[in-house]
Amino acid sequence: MEKHQILSRQVAPLPIGSGGNNATKQQLNSINTNLTMMTSQATADTKYDPPVPNHITKPSTIENFESSQSIKAVGVMTAVLGSLIIIYSIVAK
């Protein structure tokens, strides 16, 4: 089956109860119908889209993580700062 082939779609029913003249149910069914139509249109629109161009350069991912030493240093500094705040709060009383 071709990717860009235009196919008919059926609106999937919503599990919101049977029958009734409820305004909320009618609104939800209307939204569901509109979403199905927009999905079908978006799929059909891709038929005339040009192919995706190739990258000029090879894509690469650069991941910069902190070294474990700098993370340990931050932990030590946080512990020292916390200790100083506790000691100051005790002395300031």
Protein backbone atom coordinates (compact mmCIF):
# COMPACT_ATOMS: atom_id res chain seq x y z
CA MET A 1 0.00 0.00 0.00
CA GLU A 2 1.37 3.40 -0.95
CA LYS A 3 2.10 5.81 1.90
CA HIS A 4 0.38 8.75 0.24
CA GLN A 5 -2.69 6.91 -0.99
CA ILE A 6 -5.91 8.71 -0.14
CA LEU A 7 -8.13 6.43 1.91
CA SER A 8 -11.58 6.86 3.35
CA ARG A 9 -11.91 6.90 7.12
CA GLN A 10 -14.72 6.14 9.44
CA VAL A 11 -15.21 8.16 12.59
CA ALA A 12 -14.44 6.01 15.62
CA PRO A 13 -17.43 6.09 18.00
CA LEU A 14 -16.92 7.57 21.44
CA PRO A 15 -17.88 5.54 24.52
CA ILE A 16 -20.14 8.27 25.92
CA GLY A 17 -23.44 6.43 26.16
CA SER A 18 -26.22 5.59 23.80
CA GLY A 19 -28.92 7.87 22.46
CA GLY A 20 -30.18 10.90 24.22
CA ASN A 21 -30.40 14.50 23.14
CA ASN A 22 -27.58 15.64 25.41
CA ALA A 23 -25.75 18.78 24.29
CA THR A 24 -22.44 17.59 25.75
CA LYS A 25 -22.61 14.29 23.84
CA GLN A 26 -23.44 16.13 20.62
CA GLN A 27 -20.52 18.50 21.15
CA LEU A 28 -18.08 15.65 21.85
CA ASN A 29 -19.28 13.75 18.76
CA SER A 30 -18.89 16.91 16.67
CA ILE A 31 -15.33 17.43 17.95
CA ASN A 32 -14.51 13.77 17.28
CA THR A 33 -15.83 14.08 13.72
CA ASN A 34 -13.81 17.26 13.12
CA LEU A 35 -10.63 15.64 14.47
CA THR A 36 -11.10 12.66 12.16
CA MET A 37 -11.62 14.97 9.18
CA MET A 38 -8.51 17.02 10.04
CA THR A 39 -6.42 13.85 10.45
CA SER A 40 -7.58 12.58 7.07
CA GLN A 41 -6.85 15.94 5.46
CA ALA A 42 -3.38 16.11 7.00
CA THR A 43 -2.60 12.61 5.71
CA ALA A 44 -3.88 13.50 2.23
CA ASP A 45 -1.85 16.73 2.23
CA THR A 46 1.39 14.76 2.58
CA LYS A 47 0.83 13.31 -0.90
CA TYR A 48 2.17 16.49 -2.49
CA ASP A 49 4.91 17.25 0.05
CA PRO A 50 8.41 17.17 -1.42
CA PRO A 51 10.81 14.55 -0.12
CA VAL A 52 12.86 15.52 2.91
CA PRO A 53 16.29 16.81 1.81
CA ASN A 54 19.48 15.16 3.02
CA HIS A 55 21.62 16.90 5.59
CA ILE A 56 24.52 18.94 4.22
CA THR A 57 26.72 17.77 7.06
CA LYS A 58 26.51 14.66 9.17
CA PRO A 59 24.35 15.34 12.24
CA SER A 60 25.99 14.73 15.59
CA THR A 61 24.87 14.85 19.19
CA ILE A 62 27.05 16.57 21.74
CA GLU A 63 26.40 15.70 25.34
CA ASN A 64 28.13 17.76 28.02
CA PHE A 65 27.80 16.20 31.42
CA GLU A 66 29.54 17.43 34.52
CA SER A 67 32.37 15.31 35.81
CA SER A 68 31.79 13.31 38.96
CA GLN A 69 34.48 15.36 40.74
CA SER A 70 32.63 18.64 40.23
CA ILE A 71 29.36 17.03 41.41
CA LYS A 72 31.12 15.79 44.57
CA ALA A 73 32.58 19.28 45.13
CA VAL A 74 29.11 20.82 44.92
CA GLY A 75 27.82 18.25 47.44
CA VAL A 76 30.63 19.04 49.87
CA MET A 77 30.09 22.79 49.52
CA THR A 78 26.36 22.34 50.13
CA ALA A 79 27.05 20.29 53.27
CA VAL A 80 29.52 22.90 54.58
CA LEU A 81 27.09 25.73 53.86
CA GLY A 82 24.24 23.87 55.57
CA SER A 83 26.41 23.21 58.60
CA LEU A 84 27.40 26.87 58.82
CA ILE A 85 23.76 27.95 58.64
CA ILE A 86 22.81 25.53 61.44
CA ILE A 87 25.71 26.71 63.63
CA TYR A 88 24.83 30.38 62.99
CA SER A 89 21.17 29.75 63.88
CA ILE A 90 22.21 28.14 67.16
CA VAL A 91 24.70 30.92 68.03
CA ALA A 92 22.31 33.72 67.02
CA LYS A 93 19.74 32.67 69.63
